[in-house]
């Protein structure tokens, strides 16, 4: 990709889940119970932290996802306004199609030089998967198999 050619796509920042009233009741009961237990044990800071975390979780669970724009060009991968240059990407992996006999959602994983959250997962269209992989290979970025972190799978199962 030496010229002005670029690949652009957009995707929601997360998959919107339909949550029942029971889910919200369960969240409220867990928050209140954990906060009361913390207060009983005179751990007021932890109780405040639980209430604050629960309120944030409640807020984010009802907020619709923002649509994020992605662009892959001759400089690197742009996510919204942040550019990850090819020089700052250590390796990549394109997950698409079927994996281990099950259908998987297409994702681009990049391993960056960042200290905090060095591995990013980017949703991609199945139609772009082949082209995205070819761009990274053409830029001589090592291809290294990566998967979603176990914590992401657990949170998905819990309805987050």
N, C-alpha and C. Protein backbone atom coordinates (compact mmCIF):
# COMPACT_ATOMS: atom_id res chain seq x y z
N UNK A 1 0.85 -1.16 0.00
CA UNK A 1 0.00 0.00 0.00
C UNK A 1 0.90 1.23 0.00
N UNK A 2 1.49 1.54 -1.14
CA UNK A 2 2.40 2.65 -1.24
C UNK A 2 1.69 3.95 -1.59
N UNK A 3 0.58 3.88 -2.29
CA UNK A 3 -0.14 5.06 -2.75
C UNK A 3 -1.21 5.49 -1.77
N UNK A 4 -2.20 6.22 -2.28
CA UNK A 4 -3.25 6.75 -1.42
C UNK A 4 -4.32 5.73 -1.05
N UNK A 5 -4.14 4.45 -1.48
CA UNK A 5 -5.15 3.43 -1.19
C UNK A 5 -5.30 3.28 0.32
N UNK A 6 -6.54 3.15 0.76
CA UNK A 6 -6.80 2.93 2.18
C UNK A 6 -8.05 2.08 2.35
N UNK A 7 -8.11 1.45 3.49
CA UNK A 7 -9.26 0.63 3.85
C UNK A 7 -9.93 1.34 5.02
N UNK A 8 -11.22 1.62 4.88
CA UNK A 8 -11.96 2.30 5.92
C UNK A 8 -13.19 1.48 6.30
N UNK A 9 -13.50 1.47 7.59
CA UNK A 9 -14.72 0.82 8.06
C UNK A 9 -15.12 1.44 9.39
N UNK A 10 -16.31 1.13 9.81
CA UNK A 10 -16.82 1.62 11.09
C UNK A 10 -17.50 0.46 11.81
N UNK A 11 -17.46 0.49 13.12
CA UNK A 11 -18.08 -0.56 13.93
C UNK A 11 -18.47 0.03 15.28
N UNK A 12 -19.49 -0.55 15.92
CA UNK A 12 -19.84 -0.07 17.26
C UNK A 12 -18.72 -0.41 18.24
N UNK A 13 -18.54 0.43 19.27
CA UNK A 13 -17.45 0.22 20.21
C UNK A 13 -17.62 -1.06 21.02
N UNK A 14 -18.84 -1.53 21.15
CA UNK A 14 -19.11 -2.81 21.79
C UNK A 14 -20.45 -3.32 21.28
N UNK A 15 -20.68 -4.59 21.50
CA UNK A 15 -21.93 -5.21 21.05
C UNK A 15 -23.02 -4.91 22.07
N UNK A 16 -24.07 -4.24 21.62
CA UNK A 16 -25.18 -3.88 22.51
C UNK A 16 -25.94 -5.15 22.91
N UNK A 17 -26.09 -5.35 24.21
CA UNK A 17 -26.82 -6.51 24.73
C UNK A 17 -28.18 -6.06 25.24
N UNK A 18 -29.17 -6.88 24.99
CA UNK A 18 -30.51 -6.62 25.54
C UNK A 18 -30.53 -7.20 26.95
N UNK A 19 -30.79 -6.34 27.94
CA UNK A 19 -30.79 -6.78 29.32
C UNK A 19 -32.20 -6.70 29.88
N UNK A 20 -32.56 -7.73 30.62
CA UNK A 20 -33.90 -7.77 31.21
C UNK A 20 -33.92 -6.96 32.51
N UNK A 21 -35.11 -6.73 33.02
CA UNK A 21 -35.24 -6.05 34.30
C UNK A 21 -34.60 -6.87 35.42
N UNK A 22 -34.66 -8.20 35.28
CA UNK A 22 -34.05 -9.08 36.28
C UNK A 22 -32.54 -8.84 36.37
N UNK A 23 -31.90 -8.58 35.23
CA UNK A 23 -30.45 -8.32 35.21
C UNK A 23 -30.15 -7.08 36.05
N UNK A 24 -30.96 -6.03 35.87
CA UNK A 24 -30.74 -4.80 36.62
C UNK A 24 -31.04 -4.99 38.11
N UNK A 25 -32.08 -5.76 38.42
CA UNK A 25 -32.38 -6.06 39.82
C UNK A 25 -31.22 -6.82 40.46
N UNK A 26 -30.69 -7.81 39.75
CA UNK A 26 -29.56 -8.59 40.27
C UNK A 26 -28.35 -7.70 40.51
N UNK A 27 -28.08 -6.80 39.56
CA UNK A 27 -26.95 -5.88 39.73
C UNK A 27 -27.16 -5.00 40.96
N UNK A 28 -28.37 -4.47 41.13
CA UNK A 28 -28.67 -3.63 42.28
C UNK A 28 -28.52 -4.38 43.60
N UNK A 29 -29.02 -5.61 43.65
CA UNK A 29 -28.91 -6.42 44.88
C UNK A 29 -27.44 -6.70 45.21
N UNK A 30 -26.66 -7.02 44.19
CA UNK A 30 -25.23 -7.30 44.41
C UNK A 30 -24.51 -6.05 44.93
N UNK A 31 -24.80 -4.89 44.34
CA UNK A 31 -24.16 -3.65 44.76
C UNK A 31 -24.52 -3.32 46.21
N UNK A 32 -25.81 -3.37 46.53
CA UNK A 32 -26.26 -3.03 47.89
C UNK A 32 -25.70 -4.01 48.91
N UNK A 33 -25.73 -5.29 48.60
CA UNK A 33 -25.23 -6.31 49.54
C UNK A 33 -23.73 -6.15 49.78
N UNK A 34 -22.97 -5.97 48.70
CA UNK A 34 -21.52 -5.81 48.85
C UNK A 34 -21.18 -4.53 49.61
N UNK A 35 -21.90 -3.46 49.34
CA UNK A 35 -21.64 -2.19 50.04
C UNK A 35 -21.99 -2.32 51.53
N UNK A 36 -23.14 -2.96 51.83
CA UNK A 36 -23.50 -3.15 53.25
C UNK A 36 -22.49 -4.03 53.97
N UNK A 37 -22.01 -5.08 53.33
CA UNK A 37 -20.99 -5.94 53.95
C UNK A 37 -19.72 -5.14 54.22
N UNK A 38 -19.34 -4.28 53.31
CA UNK A 38 -18.15 -3.44 53.51
C UNK A 38 -18.35 -2.48 54.67
N UNK A 39 -19.54 -1.92 54.79
CA UNK A 39 -19.83 -1.00 55.90
C UNK A 39 -19.81 -1.75 57.23
N UNK A 40 -20.37 -2.96 57.26
CA UNK A 40 -20.37 -3.77 58.49
C UNK A 40 -18.94 -4.03 58.95
N UNK A 41 -18.03 -4.25 58.01
CA UNK A 41 -16.63 -4.51 58.35
C UNK A 41 -15.82 -3.22 58.42
N UNK A 42 -16.50 -2.07 58.48
CA UNK A 42 -15.89 -0.75 58.64
C UNK A 42 -14.91 -0.42 57.51
N UNK A 43 -15.19 -0.92 56.33
CA UNK A 43 -14.35 -0.60 55.17
C UNK A 43 -15.15 0.36 54.28
N UNK A 44 -15.22 1.61 54.73
CA UNK A 44 -16.07 2.61 54.09
C UNK A 44 -15.58 3.00 52.70
N UNK A 45 -14.27 3.06 52.54
CA UNK A 45 -13.73 3.40 51.22
C UNK A 45 -14.11 2.34 50.19
N UNK A 46 -14.03 1.07 50.56
CA UNK A 46 -14.40 0.00 49.65
C UNK A 46 -15.90 0.04 49.34
N UNK A 47 -16.71 0.37 50.34
CA UNK A 47 -18.16 0.50 50.12
C UNK A 47 -18.44 1.61 49.11
N UNK A 48 -17.76 2.74 49.25
CA UNK A 48 -17.94 3.84 48.31
C UNK A 48 -17.47 3.43 46.91
N UNK A 49 -16.39 2.69 46.84
CA UNK A 49 -15.87 2.21 45.57
C UNK A 49 -16.85 1.24 44.90
N UNK A 50 -17.46 0.38 45.67
CA UNK A 50 -18.46 -0.55 45.12
C UNK A 50 -19.67 0.21 44.58
N UNK A 51 -20.16 1.18 45.33
CA UNK A 51 -21.32 1.95 44.88
C UNK A 51 -20.97 2.74 43.62
N UNK A 52 -19.80 3.38 43.60
CA UNK A 52 -19.37 4.13 42.42
C UNK A 52 -19.21 3.21 41.21
N UNK A 53 -18.55 2.08 41.40
CA UNK A 53 -18.37 1.11 40.31
C UNK A 53 -19.69 0.57 39.80
N UNK A 54 -20.60 0.28 40.72
CA UNK A 54 -21.92 -0.21 40.32
C UNK A 54 -22.71 0.84 39.56
N UNK A 55 -22.62 2.09 40.00
CA UNK A 55 -23.32 3.17 39.29
C UNK A 55 -22.76 3.34 37.88
N UNK A 56 -21.44 3.27 37.75
CA UNK A 56 -20.83 3.38 36.42
C UNK A 56 -21.23 2.20 35.54
N UNK A 57 -21.26 1.02 36.10
CA UNK A 57 -21.66 -0.17 35.35
C UNK A 57 -23.10 -0.04 34.89
N UNK A 58 -23.96 0.43 35.74
CA UNK A 58 -25.37 0.65 35.42
C UNK A 58 -25.48 1.66 34.27
N UNK A 59 -24.74 2.76 34.39
CA UNK A 59 -24.78 3.81 33.37
C UNK A 59 -24.32 3.29 32.01
N UNK A 60 -23.20 2.58 32.00
CA UNK A 60 -22.67 2.07 30.73
C UNK A 60 -23.52 0.96 30.14
N UNK A 61 -24.28 0.27 30.97
CA UNK A 61 -25.12 -0.81 30.45
C UNK A 61 -26.34 -0.29 29.71
N UNK A 62 -26.75 0.94 29.99
CA UNK A 62 -27.91 1.50 29.29
C UNK A 62 -27.51 2.47 28.17
N UNK A 63 -26.25 2.85 28.13
CA UNK A 63 -25.77 3.79 27.10
C UNK A 63 -25.57 3.06 25.78
N UNK A 64 -26.10 3.61 24.68
CA UNK A 64 -25.89 2.96 23.38
C UNK A 64 -24.43 3.09 22.94
N UNK A 65 -23.90 2.10 22.21
CA UNK A 65 -22.49 2.15 21.81
C UNK A 65 -22.24 3.24 20.76
N UNK A 66 -21.09 3.85 20.87
CA UNK A 66 -20.66 4.85 19.89
C UNK A 66 -20.11 4.11 18.67
N UNK A 67 -20.29 4.68 17.49
CA UNK A 67 -19.72 4.09 16.28
C UNK A 67 -18.30 4.62 16.11
N UNK A 68 -17.35 3.71 16.04
CA UNK A 68 -15.93 4.05 15.93
C UNK A 68 -15.50 3.91 14.48
N UNK A 69 -14.75 4.88 13.99
CA UNK A 69 -14.24 4.80 12.62
C UNK A 69 -12.80 4.28 12.65
N UNK A 70 -12.49 3.42 11.69
CA UNK A 70 -11.17 2.83 11.55
C UNK A 70 -10.66 3.11 10.14
N UNK A 71 -9.36 3.30 10.03
CA UNK A 71 -8.75 3.54 8.73
C UNK A 71 -7.36 2.92 8.71
N UNK A 72 -7.09 2.15 7.69
CA UNK A 72 -5.79 1.54 7.49
C UNK A 72 -5.20 2.13 6.22
N UNK A 73 -4.09 2.83 6.34
CA UNK A 73 -3.48 3.45 5.16
C UNK A 73 -1.97 3.24 5.19
N UNK A 74 -1.23 4.02 4.40
CA UNK A 74 0.21 3.79 4.30
C UNK A 74 0.98 4.24 5.54
N UNK A 75 0.32 4.95 6.47
CA UNK A 75 0.98 5.37 7.71
C UNK A 75 0.75 4.41 8.87
N UNK A 76 -0.41 3.75 8.87
CA UNK A 76 -0.72 2.85 9.95
C UNK A 76 -2.22 2.67 10.13
N UNK A 77 -2.60 2.25 11.34
CA UNK A 77 -4.00 2.03 11.68
C UNK A 77 -4.49 3.20 12.52
N UNK A 78 -5.53 3.86 12.04
CA UNK A 78 -6.13 4.98 12.77
C UNK A 78 -7.44 4.50 13.38
N UNK A 79 -7.54 4.67 14.71
CA UNK A 79 -8.76 4.36 15.45
C UNK A 79 -9.27 5.68 16.00
N UNK A 80 -10.39 6.14 15.47
CA UNK A 80 -10.92 7.49 15.74
C UNK A 80 -9.84 8.49 15.33
N UNK A 81 -9.21 9.15 16.30
CA UNK A 81 -8.17 10.13 15.97
C UNK A 81 -6.77 9.63 16.31
N UNK A 82 -6.66 8.47 16.94
CA UNK A 82 -5.34 7.96 17.34
C UNK A 82 -4.74 7.11 16.23
N UNK A 83 -3.48 7.39 15.89
CA UNK A 83 -2.78 6.66 14.85
C UNK A 83 -1.76 5.70 15.48
N UNK A 84 -1.86 4.43 15.09
CA UNK A 84 -0.87 3.43 15.47
C UNK A 84 -0.01 3.19 14.24
N UNK A 85 1.19 3.74 14.23
CA UNK A 85 2.06 3.59 13.06
C UNK A 85 2.54 2.15 12.96
N UNK A 86 2.92 1.76 11.78
CA UNK A 86 3.41 0.40 11.58
C UNK A 86 4.65 0.13 12.42
N UNK A 87 5.46 1.16 12.65
CA UNK A 87 6.68 1.00 13.46
C UNK A 87 6.35 0.68 14.92
N UNK A 88 5.18 1.12 15.40
CA UNK A 88 4.80 0.88 16.80
C UNK A 88 4.03 -0.43 16.98
N UNK A 89 3.76 -1.15 15.89
CA UNK A 89 3.02 -2.42 15.97
C UNK A 89 4.02 -3.56 15.92
N UNK A 90 4.06 -4.36 17.00
CA UNK A 90 5.00 -5.48 17.08
C UNK A 90 4.53 -6.68 16.27
N UNK A 91 3.23 -6.98 16.33
CA UNK A 91 2.68 -8.12 15.60
C UNK A 91 1.18 -7.92 15.43
N UNK A 92 0.58 -8.78 14.62
CA UNK A 92 -0.86 -8.69 14.36
C UNK A 92 -1.42 -10.09 14.16
N UNK A 93 -2.76 -10.16 14.21
CA UNK A 93 -3.47 -11.40 13.91
C UNK A 93 -4.87 -11.04 13.42
N UNK A 94 -5.29 -11.66 12.33
CA UNK A 94 -6.65 -11.46 11.83
C UNK A 94 -7.43 -12.73 12.11
N UNK A 95 -8.45 -12.62 12.95
CA UNK A 95 -9.32 -13.75 13.29
C UNK A 95 -10.57 -13.62 12.45
N UNK A 96 -10.85 -14.62 11.64
CA UNK A 96 -12.07 -14.58 10.83
C UNK A 96 -12.52 -15.99 10.51
N UNK A 97 -13.77 -16.08 9.99
CA UNK A 97 -14.31 -17.37 9.59
C UNK A 97 -14.60 -18.27 10.77
N UNK A 98 -14.31 -19.55 10.58
CA UNK A 98 -14.54 -20.54 11.64
C UNK A 98 -13.22 -20.86 12.32
N UNK A 99 -13.28 -21.07 13.64
CA UNK A 99 -12.10 -21.40 14.42
C UNK A 99 -12.47 -22.48 15.42
N UNK A 100 -11.74 -23.56 15.42
CA UNK A 100 -12.01 -24.70 16.30
C UNK A 100 -13.43 -25.23 16.12
N UNK A 101 -13.92 -25.21 14.88
CA UNK A 101 -15.24 -25.75 14.57
C UNK A 101 -16.39 -24.82 14.88
N UNK A 102 -16.11 -23.64 15.42
CA UNK A 102 -17.18 -22.69 15.75
C UNK A 102 -16.97 -21.40 14.97
N UNK A 103 -18.06 -20.75 14.68
CA UNK A 103 -17.99 -19.47 13.98
C UNK A 103 -17.50 -18.40 14.95
N UNK A 104 -16.56 -17.59 14.51
CA UNK A 104 -16.02 -16.54 15.37
C UNK A 104 -16.26 -15.18 14.71
N UNK A 105 -16.35 -14.17 15.55
CA UNK A 105 -16.53 -12.82 15.01
C UNK A 105 -15.19 -12.33 14.48
N UNK A 106 -15.19 -11.69 13.31
CA UNK A 106 -13.94 -11.22 12.73
C UNK A 106 -13.33 -10.09 13.56
N UNK A 107 -12.08 -10.27 13.95
CA UNK A 107 -11.36 -9.29 14.75
C UNK A 107 -9.94 -9.14 14.23
N UNK A 108 -9.41 -7.95 14.36
CA UNK A 108 -8.00 -7.68 14.10
C UNK A 108 -7.35 -7.43 15.46
N UNK A 109 -6.32 -8.20 15.78
CA UNK A 109 -5.56 -8.00 17.00
C UNK A 109 -4.24 -7.36 16.62
N UNK A 110 -3.86 -6.30 17.33
CA UNK A 110 -2.54 -5.74 17.13
C UNK A 110 -1.84 -5.65 18.48
N UNK A 111 -0.57 -6.02 18.46
CA UNK A 111 0.27 -5.95 19.65
C UNK A 111 1.15 -4.72 19.49
N UNK A 112 0.91 -3.71 20.31
CA UNK A 112 1.61 -2.44 20.18
C UNK A 112 2.71 -2.32 21.22
N UNK A 113 3.43 -1.23 21.16
CA UNK A 113 4.50 -0.96 22.13
C UNK A 113 3.98 -0.33 23.42
N UNK A 114 2.67 -0.10 23.48
CA UNK A 114 2.10 0.53 24.67
C UNK A 114 2.30 -0.35 25.90
N UNK A 115 2.57 0.28 27.04
CA UNK A 115 2.75 -0.46 28.28
C UNK A 115 1.41 -0.92 28.83
N UNK A 116 0.43 -0.02 28.82
CA UNK A 116 -0.90 -0.34 29.34
C UNK A 116 -1.77 -0.79 28.17
N UNK A 117 -2.37 -1.95 28.27
CA UNK A 117 -3.20 -2.55 27.21
C UNK A 117 -2.45 -2.63 25.88
N UNK A 118 -1.39 -3.41 25.83
CA UNK A 118 -0.59 -3.49 24.59
C UNK A 118 -1.29 -4.22 23.45
N UNK A 119 -2.26 -5.09 23.76
CA UNK A 119 -2.96 -5.83 22.71
C UNK A 119 -4.35 -5.24 22.53
N UNK A 120 -4.62 -4.76 21.33
CA UNK A 120 -5.91 -4.18 21.00
C UNK A 120 -6.68 -5.12 20.09
N UNK A 121 -7.97 -5.24 20.31
CA UNK A 121 -8.82 -6.01 19.40
C UNK A 121 -9.76 -5.04 18.70
N UNK A 122 -9.76 -5.14 17.38
CA UNK A 122 -10.53 -4.23 16.54
C UNK A 122 -11.52 -5.05 15.72
N UNK A 123 -12.82 -4.76 15.82
CA UNK A 123 -13.78 -5.49 14.97
C UNK A 123 -13.60 -5.10 13.51
N UNK A 124 -13.64 -6.09 12.64
CA UNK A 124 -13.53 -5.82 11.20
C UNK A 124 -14.64 -6.56 10.47
N UNK A 125 -14.93 -6.11 9.27
CA UNK A 125 -15.89 -6.81 8.43
C UNK A 125 -15.21 -8.03 7.84
N UNK A 126 -15.97 -9.10 7.69
CA UNK A 126 -15.43 -10.32 7.07
C UNK A 126 -14.88 -9.99 5.68
N UNK A 127 -15.52 -9.06 4.98
CA UNK A 127 -15.09 -8.70 3.64
C UNK A 127 -13.71 -8.01 3.63
N UNK A 128 -13.34 -7.35 4.74
CA UNK A 128 -12.06 -6.66 4.81
C UNK A 128 -10.93 -7.52 5.37
N UNK A 129 -11.24 -8.66 5.95
CA UNK A 129 -10.24 -9.46 6.67
C UNK A 129 -9.03 -9.80 5.80
N UNK A 130 -9.27 -10.27 4.60
CA UNK A 130 -8.18 -10.68 3.71
C UNK A 130 -7.31 -9.48 3.33
N UNK A 131 -7.95 -8.36 2.98
CA UNK A 131 -7.21 -7.17 2.57
C UNK A 131 -6.39 -6.60 3.73
N UNK A 132 -6.96 -6.58 4.93
CA UNK A 132 -6.26 -6.07 6.11
C UNK A 132 -5.03 -6.93 6.39
N UNK A 133 -5.19 -8.23 6.33
CA UNK A 133 -4.06 -9.14 6.55
C UNK A 133 -2.96 -8.89 5.54
N UNK A 134 -3.33 -8.72 4.29
CA UNK A 134 -2.33 -8.48 3.24
C UNK A 134 -1.57 -7.17 3.45
N UNK A 135 -2.24 -6.15 3.95
CA UNK A 135 -1.57 -4.88 4.20
C UNK A 135 -0.50 -5.06 5.27
N UNK A 136 -0.83 -5.72 6.37
CA UNK A 136 0.14 -5.93 7.44
C UNK A 136 1.30 -6.80 6.98
N UNK A 137 1.01 -7.82 6.19
CA UNK A 137 2.08 -8.67 5.66
C UNK A 137 2.97 -7.89 4.71
N UNK A 138 2.39 -7.03 3.90
CA UNK A 138 3.18 -6.20 2.97
C UNK A 138 4.10 -5.24 3.72
N UNK A 139 3.67 -4.81 4.90
CA UNK A 139 4.49 -3.91 5.73
C UNK A 139 5.47 -4.69 6.60
N UNK A 140 5.53 -6.01 6.39
CA UNK A 140 6.46 -6.91 7.09
C UNK A 140 6.27 -6.89 8.61
N UNK A 141 5.02 -6.80 9.03
CA UNK A 141 4.67 -6.92 10.44
C UNK A 141 4.50 -8.41 10.73
N UNK A 142 5.15 -8.94 11.76
CA UNK A 142 5.01 -10.37 12.06
C UNK A 142 3.57 -10.77 12.39
N UNK A 143 3.16 -11.90 11.88
CA UNK A 143 1.83 -12.45 12.16
C UNK A 143 1.97 -13.43 13.31
N UNK A 144 1.25 -13.16 14.39
CA UNK A 144 1.33 -13.98 15.59
C UNK A 144 -0.08 -14.24 16.11
N UNK A 145 -0.44 -15.51 16.28
CA UNK A 145 -1.81 -15.83 16.69
C UNK A 145 -2.12 -15.24 18.06
N UNK A 146 -3.25 -14.54 18.12
CA UNK A 146 -3.74 -13.95 19.36
C UNK A 146 -5.22 -14.26 19.47
N UNK A 147 -5.72 -14.28 20.69
CA UNK A 147 -7.13 -14.55 20.94
C UNK A 147 -7.67 -13.55 21.94
N UNK A 148 -9.00 -13.51 22.02
CA UNK A 148 -9.62 -12.67 23.03
C UNK A 148 -9.18 -13.14 24.41
N UNK A 149 -8.97 -12.18 25.30
CA UNK A 149 -8.56 -12.50 26.65
C UNK A 149 -9.69 -13.21 27.38
N UNK A 150 -9.35 -14.10 28.30
CA UNK A 150 -10.33 -14.86 29.06
C UNK A 150 -11.31 -13.94 29.79
N UNK A 151 -10.82 -12.82 30.31
CA UNK A 151 -11.70 -11.89 31.03
C UNK A 151 -12.79 -11.32 30.11
N UNK A 152 -12.45 -11.09 28.82
CA UNK A 152 -13.46 -10.61 27.88
C UNK A 152 -14.53 -11.65 27.64
N UNK A 153 -14.14 -12.92 27.55
CA UNK A 153 -15.11 -13.99 27.36
C UNK A 153 -16.01 -14.15 28.58
N UNK A 154 -15.43 -14.01 29.77
CA UNK A 154 -16.21 -14.12 31.01
C UNK A 154 -17.21 -12.97 31.09
N UNK A 155 -16.75 -11.76 30.80
CA UNK A 155 -17.66 -10.61 30.84
C UNK A 155 -18.77 -10.75 29.82
N UNK A 156 -18.48 -11.30 28.65
CA UNK A 156 -19.49 -11.51 27.63
C UNK A 156 -20.55 -12.51 28.11
N UNK A 157 -20.10 -13.57 28.79
CA UNK A 157 -21.04 -14.57 29.32
C UNK A 157 -21.93 -13.99 30.43
N UNK A 158 -21.39 -13.02 31.17
CA UNK A 158 -22.15 -12.38 32.25
C UNK A 158 -23.11 -11.31 31.73
N UNK A 159 -23.04 -11.02 30.45
CA UNK A 159 -23.97 -10.07 29.86
C UNK A 159 -23.44 -8.65 29.77
N UNK A 160 -22.12 -8.49 29.84
CA UNK A 160 -21.53 -7.14 29.73
C UNK A 160 -20.99 -6.90 28.36
